[in-house]
């Protein structure tokens, strides 16, 4: 039998643990979430934990503006 089940991300780990507890050769799991989902999840966890370095928007924009001014002066 083939079946498609949509699982909420908040319980996905529990569902996968249950499926993995079943005897091998009784179930095949094909995950269809996007390739980047694990990367996004890890970055969110890193941000929430405070380990991710961030730059305030105004500082980032100042750096970009300085860089563009430098490029503009070299091109002139």
N, C-alpha and C. Protein backbone atom coordinates (compact mmCIF):
# COMPACT_ATOMS: atom_id res chain seq x y z
N UNK A 1 0.85 -1.16 0.00
CA UNK A 1 0.00 0.00 0.00
C UNK A 1 0.90 1.24 0.00
N UNK A 2 0.54 2.22 -0.76
CA UNK A 2 1.26 3.49 -0.80
C UNK A 2 0.36 4.55 -0.20
N UNK A 3 0.96 5.42 0.62
CA UNK A 3 0.17 6.43 1.29
C UNK A 3 1.01 7.69 1.44
N UNK A 4 0.38 8.84 1.38
CA UNK A 4 1.05 10.11 1.60
C UNK A 4 0.52 10.71 2.88
N UNK A 5 1.42 11.08 3.77
CA UNK A 5 1.04 11.67 5.05
C UNK A 5 1.76 13.00 5.17
N UNK A 6 1.02 14.03 5.50
CA UNK A 6 1.63 15.34 5.76
C UNK A 6 1.73 15.51 7.26
N UNK A 7 2.94 15.79 7.73
CA UNK A 7 3.20 15.88 9.17
C UNK A 7 3.64 17.29 9.51
N UNK A 8 3.06 17.85 10.56
CA UNK A 8 3.45 19.16 11.05
C UNK A 8 4.89 19.10 11.55
N UNK A 9 5.68 20.12 11.25
CA UNK A 9 7.10 20.13 11.64
C UNK A 9 7.29 19.96 13.14
N UNK A 10 6.32 20.42 13.95
CA UNK A 10 6.48 20.34 15.40
C UNK A 10 6.49 18.90 15.91
N UNK A 11 5.95 17.96 15.16
CA UNK A 11 5.94 16.55 15.59
C UNK A 11 6.70 15.65 14.64
N UNK A 12 7.36 16.22 13.65
CA UNK A 12 8.05 15.42 12.63
C UNK A 12 9.09 14.48 13.24
N UNK A 13 9.86 14.97 14.21
CA UNK A 13 10.88 14.12 14.83
C UNK A 13 10.26 12.92 15.53
N UNK A 14 9.12 13.14 16.20
CA UNK A 14 8.44 12.04 16.89
C UNK A 14 7.90 11.02 15.89
N UNK A 15 7.33 11.52 14.80
CA UNK A 15 6.80 10.62 13.77
C UNK A 15 7.92 9.79 13.17
N UNK A 16 9.05 10.45 12.87
CA UNK A 16 10.18 9.73 12.29
C UNK A 16 10.73 8.70 13.27
N UNK A 17 10.76 9.04 14.56
CA UNK A 17 11.22 8.08 15.56
C UNK A 17 10.31 6.86 15.60
N UNK A 18 9.00 7.11 15.52
CA UNK A 18 8.06 5.99 15.49
C UNK A 18 8.27 5.12 14.26
N UNK A 19 8.36 5.76 13.10
CA UNK A 19 8.55 4.99 11.86
C UNK A 19 9.85 4.20 11.89
N UNK A 20 10.88 4.80 12.46
CA UNK A 20 12.17 4.10 12.55
C UNK A 20 12.14 2.96 13.56
N UNK A 21 11.15 2.98 14.47
CA UNK A 21 11.05 1.89 15.46
C UNK A 21 10.39 0.64 14.87
N UNK A 22 9.75 0.78 13.72
CA UNK A 22 9.12 -0.37 13.07
C UNK A 22 10.20 -1.29 12.50
N UNK A 23 9.89 -2.57 12.36
CA UNK A 23 10.88 -3.50 11.81
C UNK A 23 11.35 -3.05 10.42
N UNK A 24 12.65 -3.25 10.16
CA UNK A 24 13.17 -2.89 8.85
C UNK A 24 12.46 -3.72 7.79
N UNK A 25 12.44 -3.24 6.59
CA UNK A 25 11.79 -3.88 5.45
C UNK A 25 10.27 -3.84 5.51
N UNK A 26 9.70 -3.15 6.53
CA UNK A 26 8.24 -3.05 6.58
C UNK A 26 7.74 -1.70 6.12
N UNK A 27 8.64 -0.74 6.03
CA UNK A 27 8.22 0.61 5.64
C UNK A 27 9.36 1.30 4.91
N UNK A 28 9.02 2.11 3.94
CA UNK A 28 9.99 2.92 3.22
C UNK A 28 9.54 4.38 3.37
N UNK A 29 10.43 5.22 3.82
CA UNK A 29 10.11 6.63 4.02
C UNK A 29 10.85 7.45 2.98
N UNK A 30 10.10 8.24 2.25
CA UNK A 30 10.68 9.17 1.28
C UNK A 30 10.29 10.58 1.69
N UNK A 31 11.24 11.32 2.18
CA UNK A 31 10.95 12.68 2.60
C UNK A 31 10.88 13.58 1.39
N UNK A 32 9.89 14.44 1.36
CA UNK A 32 9.69 15.31 0.21
C UNK A 32 9.86 16.78 0.55
N UNK A 33 10.40 17.07 1.72
CA UNK A 33 10.58 18.48 2.05
C UNK A 33 11.73 19.04 1.23
N UNK A 34 11.77 20.35 1.10
CA UNK A 34 12.79 20.98 0.26
C UNK A 34 14.21 20.66 0.74
N UNK A 35 15.15 20.70 -0.18
CA UNK A 35 16.55 20.39 0.12
C UNK A 35 17.12 21.31 1.18
N UNK A 36 16.61 22.52 1.31
CA UNK A 36 17.17 23.51 2.21
C UNK A 36 16.53 23.49 3.60
N UNK A 37 15.55 22.65 3.83
CA UNK A 37 14.80 22.67 5.08
C UNK A 37 15.70 22.42 6.30
N UNK A 38 16.59 21.45 6.22
CA UNK A 38 17.48 21.16 7.35
C UNK A 38 18.41 22.34 7.63
N UNK A 39 18.89 22.98 6.57
CA UNK A 39 19.77 24.13 6.74
C UNK A 39 19.04 25.27 7.42
N UNK A 40 17.82 25.55 7.00
CA UNK A 40 17.02 26.62 7.60
C UNK A 40 16.76 26.30 9.07
N UNK A 41 16.39 25.06 9.34
CA UNK A 41 16.11 24.65 10.72
C UNK A 41 17.34 24.84 11.60
N UNK A 42 18.52 24.45 11.13
CA UNK A 42 19.73 24.59 11.95
C UNK A 42 20.08 26.05 12.16
N UNK A 43 19.86 26.88 11.15
CA UNK A 43 20.16 28.31 11.32
C UNK A 43 19.19 28.98 12.28
N UNK A 44 17.93 28.57 12.26
CA UNK A 44 16.96 29.11 13.21
C UNK A 44 17.36 28.74 14.63
N UNK A 45 17.73 27.47 14.83
CA UNK A 45 18.17 27.03 16.15
C UNK A 45 19.41 27.78 16.61
N UNK A 46 20.34 28.02 15.68
CA UNK A 46 21.56 28.76 15.99
C UNK A 46 21.22 30.20 16.38
N UNK A 47 20.28 30.81 15.68
CA UNK A 47 19.86 32.19 15.98
C UNK A 47 19.19 32.25 17.36
N UNK A 48 18.27 31.31 17.61
CA UNK A 48 17.55 31.30 18.88
C UNK A 48 18.48 31.06 20.07
N UNK A 49 19.53 30.28 19.86
CA UNK A 49 20.46 29.97 20.95
C UNK A 49 21.42 31.12 21.24
N UNK A 50 21.47 32.09 20.34
CA UNK A 50 22.37 33.23 20.52
C UNK A 50 23.76 33.00 19.96
N UNK A 51 23.98 31.88 19.31
CA UNK A 51 25.30 31.57 18.76
C UNK A 51 25.55 32.22 17.41
N UNK A 52 24.50 32.65 16.73
CA UNK A 52 24.63 33.23 15.41
C UNK A 52 25.00 34.71 15.53
N UNK A 53 26.11 35.08 14.90
CA UNK A 53 26.49 36.49 14.91
C UNK A 53 25.59 37.26 13.96
N UNK A 54 25.08 38.36 14.44
CA UNK A 54 24.22 39.20 13.60
C UNK A 54 24.77 40.62 13.59
N UNK A 55 24.38 41.37 12.59
CA UNK A 55 24.77 42.76 12.46
C UNK A 55 23.50 43.59 12.37
N UNK A 56 23.39 44.64 13.19
CA UNK A 56 22.22 45.50 13.08
C UNK A 56 22.09 46.05 11.65
N UNK A 57 20.86 46.23 11.20
CA UNK A 57 20.59 46.65 9.83
C UNK A 57 21.34 47.93 9.46
N UNK A 58 21.32 48.93 10.33
CA UNK A 58 21.96 50.20 9.97
C UNK A 58 23.47 50.04 9.79
N UNK A 59 24.10 49.16 10.58
CA UNK A 59 25.53 48.93 10.40
C UNK A 59 25.81 48.21 9.07
N UNK A 60 24.98 47.25 8.76
CA UNK A 60 25.15 46.54 7.49
C UNK A 60 24.97 47.45 6.30
N UNK A 61 23.98 48.33 6.39
CA UNK A 61 23.74 49.27 5.28
C UNK A 61 24.88 50.26 5.15
N UNK A 62 25.45 50.69 6.27
CA UNK A 62 26.60 51.61 6.22
C UNK A 62 27.79 50.94 5.52
N UNK A 63 28.01 49.66 5.83
CA UNK A 63 29.11 48.93 5.19
C UNK A 63 28.88 48.83 3.68
N UNK A 64 27.65 48.56 3.29
CA UNK A 64 27.32 48.46 1.86
C UNK A 64 27.51 49.81 1.18
N UNK A 65 27.04 50.89 1.81
CA UNK A 65 27.19 52.21 1.23
C UNK A 65 28.66 52.60 1.10
N UNK A 66 29.46 52.29 2.12
CA UNK A 66 30.90 52.58 2.05
C UNK A 66 31.54 51.82 0.89
N UNK A 67 31.18 50.56 0.75
CA UNK A 67 31.72 49.73 -0.33
C UNK A 67 31.34 50.30 -1.69
N UNK A 68 30.08 50.70 -1.84
CA UNK A 68 29.63 51.27 -3.12
C UNK A 68 30.32 52.59 -3.41
N UNK A 69 30.54 53.42 -2.38
CA UNK A 69 31.25 54.69 -2.58
C UNK A 69 32.68 54.41 -3.05
N UNK A 70 33.31 53.39 -2.45
CA UNK A 70 34.68 53.05 -2.83
C UNK A 70 34.74 52.57 -4.28
N UNK A 71 33.80 51.74 -4.67
CA UNK A 71 33.74 51.27 -6.05
C UNK A 71 33.51 52.45 -7.00
N UNK A 72 32.62 53.34 -6.62
CA UNK A 72 32.31 54.49 -7.45
C UNK A 72 33.53 55.40 -7.61
N UNK A 73 34.30 55.60 -6.55
CA UNK A 73 35.47 56.47 -6.65
C UNK A 73 36.58 55.84 -7.49
N UNK A 74 36.70 54.53 -7.47
CA UNK A 74 37.69 53.83 -8.28
C UNK A 74 37.29 53.87 -9.74
N UNK A 75 35.98 53.75 -10.01
CA UNK A 75 35.48 53.74 -11.39
C UNK A 75 35.53 55.12 -12.03
N UNK A 76 35.56 56.16 -11.20
CA UNK A 76 35.53 57.53 -11.75
C UNK A 76 36.87 58.00 -12.21
